[in-house]
N, C-alpha and C. Protein backbone atom coordinates (compact mmCIF):
# COMPACT_ATOMS: atom_id res chain seq x y z
N MET A 1 3.92 -36.45 -53.83
CA MET A 1 4.21 -35.17 -53.53
C MET A 1 3.24 -34.12 -54.10
N SER A 2 2.64 -34.47 -55.34
CA SER A 2 1.78 -33.54 -55.92
C SER A 2 0.64 -33.18 -55.12
N ASN A 3 0.15 -34.06 -54.26
CA ASN A 3 -0.93 -33.81 -53.32
C ASN A 3 -0.49 -32.70 -52.27
N LEU A 4 0.72 -32.80 -51.92
CA LEU A 4 1.19 -31.84 -50.90
C LEU A 4 1.37 -30.40 -51.49
N ILE A 5 1.82 -30.42 -52.68
CA ILE A 5 1.91 -29.25 -53.47
C ILE A 5 0.63 -28.49 -53.70
N GLU A 6 -0.51 -29.30 -54.04
CA GLU A 6 -1.70 -28.76 -54.25
C GLU A 6 -2.32 -28.20 -53.03
N GLU A 7 -2.11 -28.89 -51.89
CA GLU A 7 -2.67 -28.38 -50.61
C GLU A 7 -1.98 -27.11 -50.19
N LEU A 8 -0.69 -27.04 -50.40
CA LEU A 8 0.00 -25.92 -50.09
C LEU A 8 -0.37 -24.68 -50.85
N LYS A 9 -0.58 -24.93 -52.19
CA LYS A 9 -1.05 -23.85 -53.03
C LYS A 9 -2.47 -23.32 -52.67
N LYS A 10 -3.31 -24.32 -52.26
CA LYS A 10 -4.72 -23.97 -51.86
C LYS A 10 -4.72 -23.09 -50.51
N LEU A 11 -3.83 -23.36 -49.69
CA LEU A 11 -3.77 -22.61 -48.33
C LEU A 11 -3.17 -21.26 -48.60
N VAL A 12 -2.15 -21.14 -49.51
CA VAL A 12 -1.66 -19.84 -49.83
C VAL A 12 -2.64 -18.98 -50.59
N GLU A 13 -3.37 -19.58 -51.56
CA GLU A 13 -4.33 -18.89 -52.25
C GLU A 13 -5.64 -18.48 -51.51
N SER A 14 -5.84 -19.05 -50.37
CA SER A 14 -7.00 -18.81 -49.55
C SER A 14 -6.81 -17.57 -48.85
N LYS A 15 -5.66 -16.96 -48.75
CA LYS A 15 -5.41 -15.76 -48.06
C LYS A 15 -5.65 -15.88 -46.52
N GLU A 16 -5.52 -17.14 -46.02
CA GLU A 16 -5.68 -17.35 -44.64
C GLU A 16 -4.26 -16.82 -43.93
N THR A 17 -4.34 -16.55 -42.76
CA THR A 17 -3.17 -16.13 -41.97
C THR A 17 -2.27 -17.35 -41.67
N TYR A 18 -1.05 -17.24 -41.72
CA TYR A 18 0.06 -18.17 -41.53
C TYR A 18 -0.24 -19.43 -42.21
N PRO A 19 -0.29 -19.37 -43.64
CA PRO A 19 -0.58 -20.60 -44.29
C PRO A 19 0.68 -21.58 -44.30
N TYR A 20 1.79 -21.15 -44.23
CA TYR A 20 2.85 -22.08 -44.15
C TYR A 20 3.01 -22.89 -42.91
N LEU A 21 2.71 -22.03 -41.91
CA LEU A 21 2.74 -22.77 -40.61
C LEU A 21 1.66 -23.86 -40.51
N LYS A 22 0.39 -23.44 -40.88
CA LYS A 22 -0.71 -24.32 -40.93
C LYS A 22 -0.43 -25.56 -41.68
N PHE A 23 0.23 -25.32 -42.93
CA PHE A 23 0.60 -26.46 -43.76
C PHE A 23 1.56 -27.50 -43.15
N GLY A 24 2.52 -26.91 -42.44
CA GLY A 24 3.48 -27.70 -41.74
C GLY A 24 2.83 -28.53 -40.69
N ALA A 25 1.88 -27.96 -39.97
CA ALA A 25 1.27 -28.66 -38.83
C ALA A 25 0.31 -29.74 -39.29
N LYS A 26 -0.41 -29.41 -40.35
CA LYS A 26 -1.44 -30.22 -40.97
C LYS A 26 -0.89 -31.51 -41.65
N PHE A 27 0.23 -31.24 -42.40
CA PHE A 27 0.89 -32.29 -43.15
C PHE A 27 2.26 -32.75 -42.64
N ALA A 28 2.42 -32.58 -41.41
CA ALA A 28 3.77 -32.90 -40.78
C ALA A 28 4.14 -34.47 -41.05
N LEU A 29 3.20 -35.35 -40.74
CA LEU A 29 3.52 -36.71 -41.00
C LEU A 29 3.78 -37.04 -42.48
N ASP A 30 2.99 -36.52 -43.32
CA ASP A 30 3.18 -36.72 -44.73
C ASP A 30 4.60 -36.17 -45.26
N ILE A 31 4.97 -35.01 -44.72
CA ILE A 31 6.24 -34.40 -45.03
C ILE A 31 7.39 -35.19 -44.46
N GLU A 32 7.28 -35.62 -43.21
CA GLU A 32 8.40 -36.40 -42.61
C GLU A 32 8.53 -37.73 -43.19
N GLU A 33 7.44 -38.44 -43.60
CA GLU A 33 7.46 -39.73 -44.21
C GLU A 33 7.87 -39.69 -45.68
N SER A 34 7.89 -38.60 -46.37
CA SER A 34 8.21 -38.55 -47.72
C SER A 34 9.79 -38.37 -47.90
N ASP A 35 10.30 -38.40 -49.06
CA ASP A 35 11.62 -38.30 -49.31
C ASP A 35 11.96 -36.80 -49.64
N TYR A 36 11.00 -35.92 -49.38
CA TYR A 36 11.16 -34.51 -49.74
C TYR A 36 11.23 -33.66 -48.48
N THR A 37 12.02 -32.58 -48.55
CA THR A 37 12.08 -31.53 -47.56
C THR A 37 11.11 -30.54 -47.80
N PRO A 38 10.70 -29.66 -46.83
CA PRO A 38 9.92 -28.54 -47.16
C PRO A 38 10.39 -27.66 -48.15
N ASN A 39 11.68 -27.48 -48.32
CA ASN A 39 12.29 -26.80 -49.32
C ASN A 39 11.94 -27.29 -50.75
N ASP A 40 12.16 -28.58 -50.78
CA ASP A 40 11.77 -29.32 -52.05
C ASP A 40 10.22 -28.98 -52.52
N ILE A 41 9.44 -29.13 -51.62
CA ILE A 41 7.89 -28.89 -51.76
C ILE A 41 7.78 -27.48 -52.23
N LEU A 42 8.35 -26.54 -51.51
CA LEU A 42 8.16 -25.02 -51.91
C LEU A 42 8.71 -24.88 -53.24
N HIS A 43 9.88 -25.45 -53.56
CA HIS A 43 10.47 -25.33 -55.05
C HIS A 43 9.56 -25.85 -56.01
N LYS A 44 8.99 -26.91 -55.87
CA LYS A 44 8.17 -27.57 -56.80
C LYS A 44 6.86 -26.83 -56.97
N ALA A 45 6.42 -26.10 -55.94
CA ALA A 45 5.22 -25.43 -55.89
C ALA A 45 5.46 -24.00 -56.47
N GLY A 46 6.71 -23.59 -56.78
CA GLY A 46 7.10 -22.25 -57.36
C GLY A 46 7.03 -21.15 -56.36
N LEU A 47 7.28 -21.55 -55.07
CA LEU A 47 7.20 -20.59 -53.97
C LEU A 47 8.71 -20.26 -53.45
N SER A 48 8.76 -19.23 -52.76
CA SER A 48 10.09 -18.90 -52.19
C SER A 48 10.59 -19.89 -51.08
N SER A 49 11.78 -20.22 -51.08
CA SER A 49 12.36 -21.11 -50.04
C SER A 49 12.47 -20.42 -48.77
N SER A 50 12.28 -19.23 -48.70
CA SER A 50 12.22 -18.41 -47.41
C SER A 50 11.13 -18.89 -46.49
N TYR A 51 10.15 -19.53 -46.93
CA TYR A 51 9.08 -19.98 -46.00
C TYR A 51 9.41 -21.38 -45.46
N GLN A 52 10.51 -21.91 -45.68
CA GLN A 52 10.86 -23.12 -45.14
C GLN A 52 10.81 -23.19 -43.70
N ALA A 53 11.29 -22.10 -43.08
CA ALA A 53 11.28 -22.03 -41.64
C ALA A 53 9.88 -21.98 -41.00
N GLU A 54 8.97 -21.46 -41.74
CA GLU A 54 7.49 -21.45 -41.20
C GLU A 54 6.97 -22.87 -41.32
N ILE A 55 7.28 -23.59 -42.42
CA ILE A 55 6.77 -24.92 -42.50
C ILE A 55 7.44 -25.83 -41.42
N ASN A 56 8.75 -25.58 -41.29
CA ASN A 56 9.42 -26.34 -40.09
C ASN A 56 8.79 -26.02 -38.74
N LYS A 57 8.31 -24.85 -38.48
CA LYS A 57 7.79 -24.41 -37.24
C LYS A 57 6.42 -25.23 -37.06
N GLY A 58 5.74 -25.27 -38.18
CA GLY A 58 4.47 -26.08 -38.11
C GLY A 58 4.60 -27.62 -37.70
N ILE A 59 5.68 -28.23 -38.37
CA ILE A 59 6.09 -29.54 -38.12
C ILE A 59 6.42 -29.66 -36.66
N SER A 60 7.12 -28.79 -36.12
CA SER A 60 7.58 -28.82 -34.64
C SER A 60 6.33 -28.62 -33.79
N ILE A 61 5.48 -27.77 -34.03
CA ILE A 61 4.27 -27.68 -33.30
C ILE A 61 3.44 -28.94 -33.32
N TYR A 62 3.29 -29.62 -34.51
CA TYR A 62 2.61 -30.90 -34.49
C TYR A 62 3.31 -31.97 -33.68
N ASN A 63 4.71 -31.99 -33.79
CA ASN A 63 5.31 -32.94 -33.07
C ASN A 63 5.23 -32.74 -31.57
N TYR A 64 5.21 -31.44 -31.10
CA TYR A 64 5.14 -31.15 -29.68
C TYR A 64 3.70 -31.51 -29.19
N LEU A 65 2.69 -31.14 -29.94
CA LEU A 65 1.34 -31.53 -29.50
C LEU A 65 1.09 -32.96 -29.52
N ASN A 66 1.72 -33.65 -30.23
CA ASN A 66 1.54 -35.23 -30.37
C ASN A 66 2.67 -35.98 -29.72
N CYS A 67 3.58 -35.32 -29.09
CA CYS A 67 4.66 -35.91 -28.36
C CYS A 67 5.35 -36.89 -29.19
N THR A 68 5.64 -36.67 -30.40
CA THR A 68 6.46 -37.62 -31.25
C THR A 68 7.85 -37.18 -31.40
């Protein structure tokens, strides 16, 4: 999980637009295969749980585009 936390922090610090959505789409499989929820990852990264919906949207986009 530490890898996911580091990647999330990098995206947030990069000041890119929609970092939480991008994180969810990019790491959807890693998140789904882990024992952790997006909220768990946000909490461990010291970020607000209010961004959980954005990560979930990214995961949904990934699943839609890959028909999984």
